[in-house]
Protein backbone atom coordinates (compact mmCIF):
# COMPACT_ATOMS: atom_id res chain seq x y z
CA MET A 1 -9.75 6.29 2.70
CA LEU A 2 -7.04 8.37 4.35
CA SER A 3 -7.64 11.32 2.04
CA VAL A 4 -11.35 11.21 2.82
CA LYS A 5 -10.65 11.22 6.57
CA LEU A 6 -8.26 14.15 6.24
CA ARG A 7 -10.85 16.20 4.37
CA THR A 8 -13.40 15.72 7.13
CA CYS A 9 -10.97 16.00 10.07
CA ASP A 10 -10.61 19.35 11.90
CA ASP A 11 -7.94 18.29 14.40
CA LEU A 12 -4.35 18.45 13.17
CA VAL A 13 -3.17 16.12 15.94
CA GLU A 14 -5.64 13.49 14.81
CA CYS A 15 -4.51 14.00 11.21
CA ARG A 16 -0.88 13.39 12.17
CA ASP A 17 -1.86 10.23 14.03
CA LEU A 18 -3.72 8.94 10.97
CA VAL A 19 -0.74 9.64 8.71
CA GLU A 20 1.68 7.91 11.07
CA GLU A 21 -0.61 4.89 11.34
CA VAL A 22 -0.71 4.50 7.55
CA ARG A 23 3.07 5.01 7.26
CA LEU A 24 3.73 2.16 9.69
CA ALA A 25 1.28 -0.05 7.79
CA ILE A 26 3.10 0.64 4.50
CA THR A 27 6.63 0.05 5.79
CA SER A 28 5.61 -3.17 7.52
CA SER A 29 3.83 -4.56 4.44
CA PRO A 30 5.43 -7.65 2.80
CA PHE A 31 5.12 -5.86 -0.57
CA PHE A 32 7.22 -2.91 0.59
CA THR A 33 10.79 -2.53 -0.65
CA PRO A 34 13.14 0.39 0.09
CA PRO A 35 12.50 3.06 -2.57
CA THR A 36 14.98 3.55 -5.38
CA VAL A 37 15.05 6.30 -7.99
CA TYR A 38 12.41 4.44 -9.97
CA THR A 39 10.35 1.36 -9.31
CA GLU A 40 7.86 -0.57 -11.33
CA ILE A 41 4.45 1.11 -11.47
CA ASN A 42 1.94 -1.07 -9.64
CA SER A 43 -0.95 -0.81 -7.22
CA PHE A 44 1.35 -0.62 -4.20
CA SER A 45 3.29 2.25 -5.75
CA SER A 46 0.00 4.01 -6.45
CA ALA A 47 -0.97 3.61 -2.78
CA ILE A 48 2.35 5.16 -1.67
CA GLU A 49 1.75 8.10 -4.03
CA LYS A 50 -1.69 8.73 -2.55
CA PHE A 51 -0.23 8.47 0.93
CA THR A 52 2.41 11.05 -0.03
CA THR A 53 -0.38 13.35 -1.20
CA CYS A 54 -2.04 13.06 2.22
CA ARG A 55 1.22 13.80 4.07
CA LEU A 56 1.91 16.87 1.95
CA TYR A 57 -1.66 18.10 2.33
CA CYS A 58 -1.64 17.56 6.10
CA ASN A 59 1.67 19.39 6.50
CA PHE A 60 0.38 22.33 4.46
CA PHE A 61 -1.79 23.41 7.40
CA GLU A 62 1.22 23.33 9.71
CA ALA A 63 4.11 24.71 7.63
CA GLY A 64 2.29 26.29 4.71
CA LYS A 65 4.67 24.82 2.12
CA ILE A 66 5.61 21.61 0.34
CA LEU A 67 7.78 19.18 2.28
CA SER A 68 11.03 17.89 0.81
CA LEU A 69 11.50 14.36 -0.49
CA ASP A 70 13.43 13.23 2.58
CA GLU A 71 10.61 14.35 4.87
CA VAL A 72 7.94 12.22 3.16
CA GLN A 73 9.78 8.92 2.84
CA PRO A 74 9.12 6.21 1.77
CA CYS A 75 8.55 7.32 -1.82
CA THR A 76 10.43 7.56 -5.10
CA ASP A 77 10.90 10.63 -7.29
CA GLU A 78 7.87 9.84 -9.44
CA GLU A 79 5.71 9.08 -6.42
CA TYR A 80 6.79 12.35 -4.82
CA LEU A 81 5.97 14.41 -7.92
CA GLY A 82 2.65 12.62 -8.28
CA GLY A 83 1.94 13.35 -4.61
CA CYS A 84 2.68 17.05 -5.14
CA ILE A 85 0.25 17.19 -8.06
CA GLY A 86 -2.33 15.33 -5.99
CA MET A 87 -1.86 17.93 -3.25
CA GLY A 88 -2.77 20.60 -5.81
CA HIS A 89 -6.10 18.87 -6.41
CA GLU A 90 -6.75 18.75 -2.67
CA LEU A 91 -5.95 22.46 -2.33
CA LEU A 92 -8.44 23.28 -5.07
CA GLU A 93 -11.20 21.51 -3.16
CA TYR A 94 -10.10 23.25 0.03
CA CYS A 95 -10.21 26.66 -1.70
CA VAL A 96 -13.76 26.06 -2.87
CA GLY A 97 -14.79 25.84 0.77
CA ARG A 98 -12.75 28.93 1.69
CA ALA A 99 -14.33 30.89 -1.16
CA ALA A 100 -17.72 30.31 0.40
CA GLU A 101 -16.32 32.06 3.49
CA ALA A 102 -14.91 34.91 1.38
CA ASP A 103 -11.37 34.00 2.53
CA LEU A 104 -9.51 35.61 -0.35
CA SER A 105 -6.14 35.68 1.40
CA THR A 106 -6.04 31.88 1.82
CA ILE A 107 -7.05 31.33 -1.80
CA ARG A 108 -4.29 33.66 -2.96
CA TYR A 109 -1.80 31.78 -0.83
CA CYS A 110 -2.86 28.43 -2.31
CA HIS A 111 -2.78 29.95 -5.79
CA THR A 112 0.80 31.09 -5.23
CA LEU A 113 1.86 27.64 -4.07
CA VAL A 114 0.21 25.83 -6.97
CA THR A 115 1.60 28.35 -9.45
CA GLN A 116 5.14 27.85 -8.15
CA LEU A 117 4.64 24.09 -8.34
CA SER A 118 3.41 24.38 -11.93
CA ASP A 119 6.38 26.58 -12.87
CA GLU A 120 8.83 24.04 -11.47
CA LEU A 121 7.17 21.07 -13.17
CA ASN A 122 7.12 23.03 -16.42
CA GLN A 123 10.92 22.71 -16.48
CA PHE A 124 10.63 18.90 -16.74
CA GLU A 125 10.52 17.03 -20.03
CA PHE A 126 8.02 14.33 -19.16
CA ARG A 127 7.61 11.48 -21.62
CA ASN A 128 4.17 10.12 -22.41
CA SER A 129 3.40 8.47 -19.09
CA PRO A 130 0.87 8.61 -16.22
CA LEU A 131 2.97 11.35 -14.60
CA ARG A 132 2.71 13.47 -17.75
CA ARG A 133 -1.07 13.18 -17.74
CA LYS A 134 -1.17 14.17 -14.07
CA TYR A 135 0.99 17.19 -14.80
CA ASP A 136 -1.39 18.25 -17.59
CA SER A 137 -4.19 18.45 -15.03
CA LEU A 138 -2.25 20.94 -12.90
CA LYS A 139 -2.68 23.85 -15.33
CA TYR A 140 -6.44 23.55 -14.97
CA ILE A 141 -6.08 23.89 -11.20
CA VAL A 142 -4.08 27.11 -11.68
CA LYS A 143 -6.74 28.43 -14.04
CA LYS A 144 -9.59 27.60 -11.67
CA LEU A 145 -7.85 29.28 -8.74
CA THR A 146 -7.11 32.35 -10.88
CA ASP A 147 -10.76 32.59 -11.90
CA MET A 148 -11.79 32.08 -8.29
CA ILE A 149 -9.60 34.97 -7.12
CA TYR A 150 -10.91 37.25 -9.85
CA GLU A 151 -14.59 36.45 -9.26
CA LEU A 152 -14.31 36.61 -5.48
CA GLY A 153 -12.35 39.89 -5.72
CA LEU A 154 -15.10 41.48 -7.81
CA ALA A 155 -17.75 40.29 -5.38
CA LEU A 156 -15.84 41.70 -2.41
CA ASP A 157 -15.32 45.03 -4.21
CA LEU A 158 -19.04 45.38 -4.86
CA TYR A 159 -19.78 44.39 -1.28
CA SER A 160 -17.33 47.01 0.00
CA CYS A 161 -18.83 49.72 -2.24
CA ARG A 162 -22.36 49.05 -1.11
CA ASN A 163 -21.36 49.32 2.52
CA THR A 164 -19.54 52.66 2.30
CA GLU A 165 -20.83 56.20 2.08
CA LYS A 166 -19.17 56.74 -1.32
CA ASP A 167 -21.28 56.93 -4.43
CA VAL A 168 -21.46 54.04 -6.78
CA GLY A 169 -21.68 54.84 -10.50
CA ASP A 170 -24.05 53.31 -12.99
CA ASP A 171 -21.37 50.89 -14.11
CA GLY A 172 -21.08 49.48 -10.60
CA ASP A 173 -17.64 51.00 -9.80
CA CYS A 174 -16.80 53.08 -6.79
CA SER A 175 -16.23 56.79 -7.46
CA SER A 176 -13.01 56.71 -5.48
CA PRO A 177 -9.90 54.93 -6.83
CA ARG A 178 -10.68 51.27 -6.90
CA LYS A 179 -8.84 49.19 -4.32
CA ARG A 180 -9.38 45.45 -4.01
CA THR A 181 -9.84 44.18 -0.50
CA LYS A 182 -9.57 40.79 1.06
CA ILE A 183 -10.65 39.27 4.31
CA ASP A 184 -8.07 37.51 6.42
CA SER A 185 -8.69 34.64 8.78
CA THR A 186 -9.59 36.99 11.62
CA GLY A 187 -12.26 38.81 9.61
CA GLY A 188 -10.20 41.98 9.04
CA ASN A 189 -9.18 43.55 5.75
CA ALA A 190 -5.74 43.49 4.18
CA SER A 191 -4.32 45.35 1.21
CA ALA A 192 -3.72 43.79 -2.18
CA THR A 193 0.02 44.28 -1.86
CA ASP A 194 0.13 41.45 0.69
CA GLY A 195 -0.95 39.01 -2.00
CA ASP A 196 1.64 40.34 -4.41
CA SER A 197 4.42 39.82 -1.88
CA LEU A 198 3.65 36.08 -1.76
CA SER A 199 5.44 35.62 -5.07
CA THR A 200 8.75 36.34 -3.34
CA ILE A 201 8.26 33.52 -0.80
CA GLU A 202 9.59 30.08 -1.79
CA LEU A 203 6.79 27.66 -1.05
CA VAL A 204 8.24 24.89 -3.25
CA PRO A 205 11.74 23.37 -2.71
CA LYS A 206 13.24 24.51 -6.02
CA ALA A 207 16.68 22.99 -5.40
CA LEU A 208 15.08 19.59 -4.75
CA PHE A 209 13.05 19.80 -7.95
CA ALA A 210 16.23 20.61 -9.88
CA ASP A 211 17.89 17.47 -8.48
CA ILE A 212 14.88 15.35 -9.37
CA ARG A 213 14.86 16.81 -12.87
CA ALA A 214 18.53 15.90 -13.33
CA ARG A 215 17.88 12.32 -12.17
CA MET A 216 14.89 11.96 -14.47
CA ASP A 217 16.84 13.32 -17.45
CA SER A 218 19.60 10.78 -16.76
CA PHE A 219 16.98 8.04 -16.47
CA ASP A 220 15.40 8.98 -19.80
CA LYS A 221 18.77 8.97 -21.57
CA GLN A 222 19.56 5.49 -20.27
CA ARG A 223 16.07 4.33 -21.17
CA GLU A 224 16.51 5.52 -24.76
CA GLU A 225 19.87 3.79 -24.97
CA LEU A 226 18.31 0.59 -23.65
CA ILE A 227 15.46 0.66 -26.16
CA LYS A 228 17.79 1.25 -29.12
CA THR A 229 20.24 -1.47 -28.11
CA THR A 230 17.62 -4.13 -27.31
CA ARG A 231 16.40 -3.81 -30.89
CA ASP A 232 19.72 -5.26 -32.02
CA ALA A 233 19.28 -8.23 -29.67
CA GLN A 234 15.73 -8.83 -30.89
CA LYS A 235 16.89 -8.65 -34.50
CA LEU A 236 19.58 -11.25 -33.85
CA ALA A 237 17.00 -13.48 -32.15
CA LYS A 238 14.64 -13.33 -35.14
CA GLN A 239 17.51 -13.94 -37.56
CA GLY A 240 18.53 -16.96 -35.48
CA ILE A 241 15.01 -18.39 -35.60
CA TYR A 242 14.91 -18.01 -39.39
CA ALA A 243 18.29 -19.76 -39.57
CA VAL A 244 16.86 -22.67 -37.57
CA HIS A 245 14.05 -23.06 -40.10
CA ARG A 246 16.56 -22.99 -42.96
CA ASP A 247 18.74 -25.62 -41.31
CA MET A 248 15.73 -27.87 -40.76
CA GLY A 249 15.51 -28.27 -44.55
CA LYS A 250 19.03 -29.65 -44.77
CA PRO A 251 19.76 -33.41 -44.67
CA GLN A 252 22.21 -32.98 -41.77
CA PRO A 253 21.61 -29.64 -40.03
CA THR A 254 24.42 -28.26 -37.86
CA PHE A 255 22.60 -25.17 -36.48
CA THR A 256 25.90 -23.30 -36.31
CA GLU A 257 24.50 -20.03 -37.66
CA PRO A 258 21.52 -19.73 -35.26
CA ALA A 259 23.69 -20.64 -32.27
CA GLY A 260 26.05 -17.78 -33.14
CA LYS A 261 23.16 -15.34 -33.52
CA PHE A 262 21.73 -16.25 -30.14
CA LYS A 263 25.13 -15.98 -28.45
CA ALA A 264 25.63 -12.49 -29.85
CA GLY A 265 22.17 -11.50 -28.61
CA HIS A 266 22.94 -12.78 -25.12
CA GLU A 267 26.14 -10.73 -25.02
CA ILE A 268 24.20 -7.57 -25.86
CA LEU A 269 21.67 -8.18 -23.09
CA ARG A 270 24.43 -9.00 -20.60
CA GLY A 271 26.12 -5.69 -21.35
CA LEU A 272 22.86 -3.76 -20.94
CA PHE A 273 22.10 -5.52 -17.69
CA LEU A 274 25.49 -4.75 -16.17
CA LYS A 275 25.49 -1.16 -17.38
CA ILE A 276 21.88 -0.07 -16.83
CA VAL A 277 19.26 -2.58 -15.74
CA GLN A 278 20.82 -3.79 -12.49
CA PHE A 279 20.96 -0.16 -11.29
CA LEU A 280 17.53 0.82 -12.63
CA PRO A 281 15.20 -2.15 -11.99
CA ALA A 282 12.22 -0.30 -13.49
CA LEU A 283 13.81 -0.72 -16.94
CA ARG A 284 13.68 -4.51 -16.52
CA GLN A 285 10.17 -4.48 -17.96
CA GLY A 286 9.41 -3.40 -21.49
CA SER A 287 11.91 -3.72 -24.31
CA PHE A 288 14.56 -5.51 -22.23
CA SER A 289 12.10 -8.18 -21.08
CA ALA A 290 10.76 -8.56 -24.64
CA ALA A 291 14.29 -9.12 -25.96
CA ILE A 292 14.89 -11.80 -23.32
CA GLU A 293 11.65 -13.53 -24.30
CA GLU A 294 12.57 -13.42 -27.99
CA LEU A 295 16.03 -14.89 -27.39
CA LEU A 296 14.66 -17.63 -25.16
CA GLU A 297 12.13 -18.50 -27.83
CA GLY A 298 15.00 -19.01 -30.25
CA GLU A 299 16.97 -21.09 -27.75
CA LEU A 300 13.92 -23.26 -27.10
CA VAL A 301 13.38 -23.83 -30.83
CA LEU A 302 17.05 -24.67 -31.34
CA HIS A 303 17.16 -27.07 -28.38
CA TRP A 304 13.97 -28.80 -29.51
CA CYS A 305 15.25 -29.29 -33.04
CA ARG A 306 18.43 -30.83 -31.66
CA GLN A 307 17.05 -33.06 -28.90
CA ARG A 308 13.24 -32.97 -29.17
CA LYS A 309 13.06 -31.69 -25.58
CA LEU A 310 12.11 -28.51 -23.73
CA LEU A 311 14.44 -26.42 -21.61
CA SER A 312 13.47 -25.84 -17.99
CA LYS A 313 13.27 -22.35 -16.52
CA LEU A 314 16.59 -22.82 -14.72
CA GLU A 315 18.28 -24.03 -17.89
CA CYS A 316 16.99 -20.98 -19.76
CA GLU A 317 18.27 -18.72 -16.99
CA ASP A 318 21.70 -20.36 -17.23
CA LEU A 319 21.77 -19.63 -20.96
CA LEU A 320 21.29 -15.94 -20.21
CA ASN A 321 24.30 -15.92 -17.87
CA VAL A 322 26.71 -18.61 -19.06
CA ASP A 323 28.61 -16.66 -21.72
CA SER A 324 29.78 -13.96 -19.31
CA ALA A 325 29.95 -16.10 -16.19
CA ARG A 326 33.62 -15.45 -15.47
CA ALA A 327 33.26 -11.69 -15.93
CA ILE A 328 30.11 -11.11 -13.91
CA SER A 329 29.85 -13.84 -11.30
CA VAL A 330 33.03 -12.90 -9.48
CA ASP A 331 33.56 -9.59 -7.75
CA GLU A 332 36.91 -7.99 -8.69
CA LYS A 333 37.72 -7.01 -5.10
CA SER A 334 36.56 -9.97 -3.07
CA THR A 335 36.70 -12.67 -5.78
CA THR A 336 33.50 -14.16 -4.40
CA PRO A 337 30.37 -14.97 -6.44
CA THR A 338 27.79 -12.20 -6.57
CA SER A 339 24.21 -13.18 -7.35
CA SER A 340 23.17 -9.55 -7.95
CA CYS A 341 24.88 -9.60 -11.37
CA ARG A 342 22.86 -12.60 -12.53
CA ILE A 343 19.86 -12.10 -14.80
CA GLU A 344 16.92 -13.78 -13.10
CA LEU A 345 14.27 -15.07 -15.47
CA THR A 346 10.68 -14.20 -14.57
CA ASN A 347 7.72 -16.56 -14.95
CA GLY A 348 6.11 -14.26 -17.48
CA GLU A 349 9.19 -14.31 -19.72
CA TYR A 350 9.53 -18.08 -19.54
CA PHE A 351 5.84 -18.74 -20.18
CA GLY A 352 5.85 -16.19 -22.99
CA ALA A 353 8.80 -17.93 -24.65
CA LEU A 354 7.07 -21.31 -24.34
CA SER A 355 3.93 -19.87 -25.90
CA ASP A 356 5.83 -18.37 -28.83
CA LEU A 357 7.67 -21.67 -29.23
CA THR A 358 4.42 -23.40 -30.18
CA GLY A 359 4.01 -20.99 -33.08
CA GLU A 360 7.47 -21.76 -34.44
CA LEU A 361 6.92 -25.48 -33.96
CA GLY A 362 3.72 -25.15 -35.95
CA ARG A 363 5.70 -23.78 -38.90
CA ILE A 364 8.15 -26.66 -38.59
CA ALA A 365 5.21 -29.10 -38.49
CA VAL A 366 3.87 -27.77 -41.79
CA PHE A 367 7.33 -27.99 -43.36
CA ARG A 368 7.87 -31.58 -42.17
CA ALA A 369 4.32 -32.59 -43.14
CA MET A 370 5.11 -31.77 -46.77
CA ARG A 371 7.86 -34.40 -46.51
CA ARG A 372 5.52 -36.94 -44.91
CA ASP A 373 7.43 -36.84 -41.61
CA VAL A 374 4.57 -38.06 -39.42
CA GLN A 375 6.81 -38.72 -36.41
CA CYS A 376 8.02 -35.11 -36.29
CA VAL A 377 4.44 -33.84 -36.41
CA LEU A 378 3.52 -36.20 -33.57
CA ASP A 379 6.50 -34.96 -31.52
CA ILE A 380 5.39 -31.36 -32.03
CA LEU A 381 1.84 -32.22 -31.04
CA GLU A 382 3.12 -33.91 -27.89
CA THR A 383 5.24 -30.84 -27.07
CA ASP A 384 2.32 -28.46 -27.60
CA THR A 385 0.17 -30.61 -25.34
CA ALA A 386 2.81 -30.59 -22.58
CA ILE A 387 3.12 -26.77 -22.79
CA ALA A 388 -0.66 -26.36 -22.72
CA GLN A 389 -0.96 -28.60 -19.66
CA LEU A 390 1.75 -26.59 -17.92
CA LEU A 391 0.22 -23.19 -18.58
CA VAL A 392 -3.33 -24.12 -17.64
CA ARG A 393 -2.10 -25.23 -14.20
CA VAL A 394 -0.46 -21.94 -13.29
CA ASN A 395 -2.05 -18.63 -12.41
CA THR A 396 -2.62 -17.19 -15.88
CA SER A 397 -3.86 -13.76 -14.85
CA GLY A 398 -3.02 -10.68 -16.90
CA GLY A 399 -1.18 -11.02 -20.19
CA ILE A 400 -0.29 -14.68 -19.65
CA SER A 401 -3.92 -15.69 -20.27
CA LYS A 402 -3.55 -14.50 -23.87
CA LYS A 403 -0.48 -16.68 -24.20
CA VAL A 404 -2.51 -19.71 -23.10
CA ASP A 405 -5.10 -19.01 -25.78
CA ALA A 406 -2.32 -18.81 -28.38
CA VAL A 407 -0.89 -22.17 -27.25
CA LEU A 408 -4.28 -23.86 -27.50
CA ALA A 409 -4.86 -22.38 -30.94
CA ASN A 410 -1.45 -23.55 -32.19
CA ARG A 411 -2.02 -27.01 -30.74
CA LYS A 412 -5.36 -27.23 -32.54
CA LYS A 413 -3.68 -26.42 -35.87
CA VAL A 414 -1.11 -29.18 -35.38
CA MET A 415 -3.89 -31.64 -34.48
CA GLU A 416 -5.74 -30.79 -37.69
CA LEU A 417 -2.49 -31.16 -39.63
CA HIS A 418 -1.91 -34.60 -38.15
CA TYR A 419 -5.50 -35.57 -38.94
CA ASP A 420 -5.05 -34.56 -42.58
CA MET A 421 -1.85 -36.58 -42.79
CA ALA A 422 -3.61 -39.62 -41.31
CA CYS A 423 -6.45 -39.29 -43.80
CA LEU A 424 -4.03 -39.00 -46.70
CA THR A 425 -2.16 -42.07 -45.52
CA LEU A 426 -5.30 -44.17 -45.12
CA SER A 427 -6.79 -43.01 -48.39
CA GLY A 428 -3.68 -43.71 -50.42
CA GLY A 429 -3.00 -40.09 -51.23
CA VAL A 430 -6.58 -38.78 -51.61
CA ARG A 431 -7.67 -36.05 -49.15
CA GLY A 432 -10.05 -37.32 -46.51
CA SER A 433 -12.63 -34.63 -47.24
CA THR A 434 -13.17 -36.05 -50.76
CA ILE A 435 -13.63 -39.66 -49.68
CA SER A 436 -17.13 -40.96 -49.05
CA ALA A 437 -18.03 -43.98 -46.97
CA GLY A 438 -18.12 -46.24 -50.04
CA ASP A 439 -15.01 -44.92 -51.79
CA GLY A 440 -11.98 -47.15 -52.13
CA PRO A 441 -8.34 -46.21 -52.40
CA ASP A 442 -8.52 -46.22 -56.23
CA GLY A 443 -11.45 -43.81 -56.28
CA SER A 444 -13.68 -46.26 -58.12
CA GLY A 445 -16.30 -46.33 -55.43
CA LYS A 446 -15.31 -49.82 -54.28
CA SER A 447 -12.44 -51.29 -52.40
CA SER A 448 -9.51 -52.34 -54.59
CA ASN A 449 -9.45 -55.87 -53.18
CA THR A 450 -13.17 -56.50 -53.73
CA ASN A 451 -14.30 -58.30 -56.90
CA GLU A 452 -17.20 -56.74 -58.74
CA GLU A 453 -20.13 -59.06 -59.16
CA ASP A 454 -21.72 -59.56 -62.55
């Protein structure tokens, strides 16, 4: 709504008041946190980016250039770059209106600013992200402004030729040396060299963009390191889960191998958290969160096989932090506990691990059913039911709703498995689907303890 008001507002004082009103509303919002280099992309971050676009666009009519990052706080590097690109879209719409007034000088000025912005952003190595797609749209703005300058310049040349006493040739050109004219804001004419001199004016803070580029390059390097290393933790988690299934087939399982795999995975995640994630919270989501979920799934399977119980969220969080408690919970200088070094488990990770647990328990149920272990199947069914009841009570918006569907599907499979086992037990080993109402346990069509009448 702010961008719409700025487009229709002619008073700069009123525009500044609108911008300040929105800024106060953002900083006083309960969802606002002080900006870091990168934050998680969400609707609130998108609103800040649009607000940054409005501030840059409003200041353009006062200073004629792009403000620095410090002057448009609160916003992060990505929000600032997105705001600059959004300003380019606003300038294109503004130039369309100026072209109708034959204001070639203003269009050239905007074209110079957008071109400098495009040249600076061209030095970045954007990964495939929303910011990359926004940057791709900027080259079309440069092209449209270039075409607008060319077309309006031709129209003004023809207009100038028709209103002079010089002859105009058959091809539409003036007989004198052709000189492109432009109309300034006061209605006078200016030479074309004025537009060429704009290229020497710095309308974009190049030093600031270089600093942002360096920070983004550092961020991408750490992100790549995080992705590569979390694969090792996920691999250990999967190997540990397979080891649990192997130990379940032993008469007296010790679960030593899976416990060691999970411990090694936790140590990897602890190292990544202390080195990267605690300083770059945006990297908490994605591969790091998936590795946590995978390891917790393994810990839940292992704990269930040992005690037939579920771990609470707090107990799972303690497992993520217990191995390195002495090294990370005490500050070297003050020797006092620091909660900032503790990995805090999110609801999505815990619910995701519980959902995946039901799938692994389903495999165990099939394995134990082949050994006629009815009690184990019943315990798994009871566990699936408890997880399903928990998840349906919470707010399952977003991706968690898919997890609930998976839990219900896994529970249904275990119920059918228990039903088949019950039918086999009652029928003396014959599948329930092959037994009619009059069939007996011996398959003769009559009950085994009923004498046949002559």
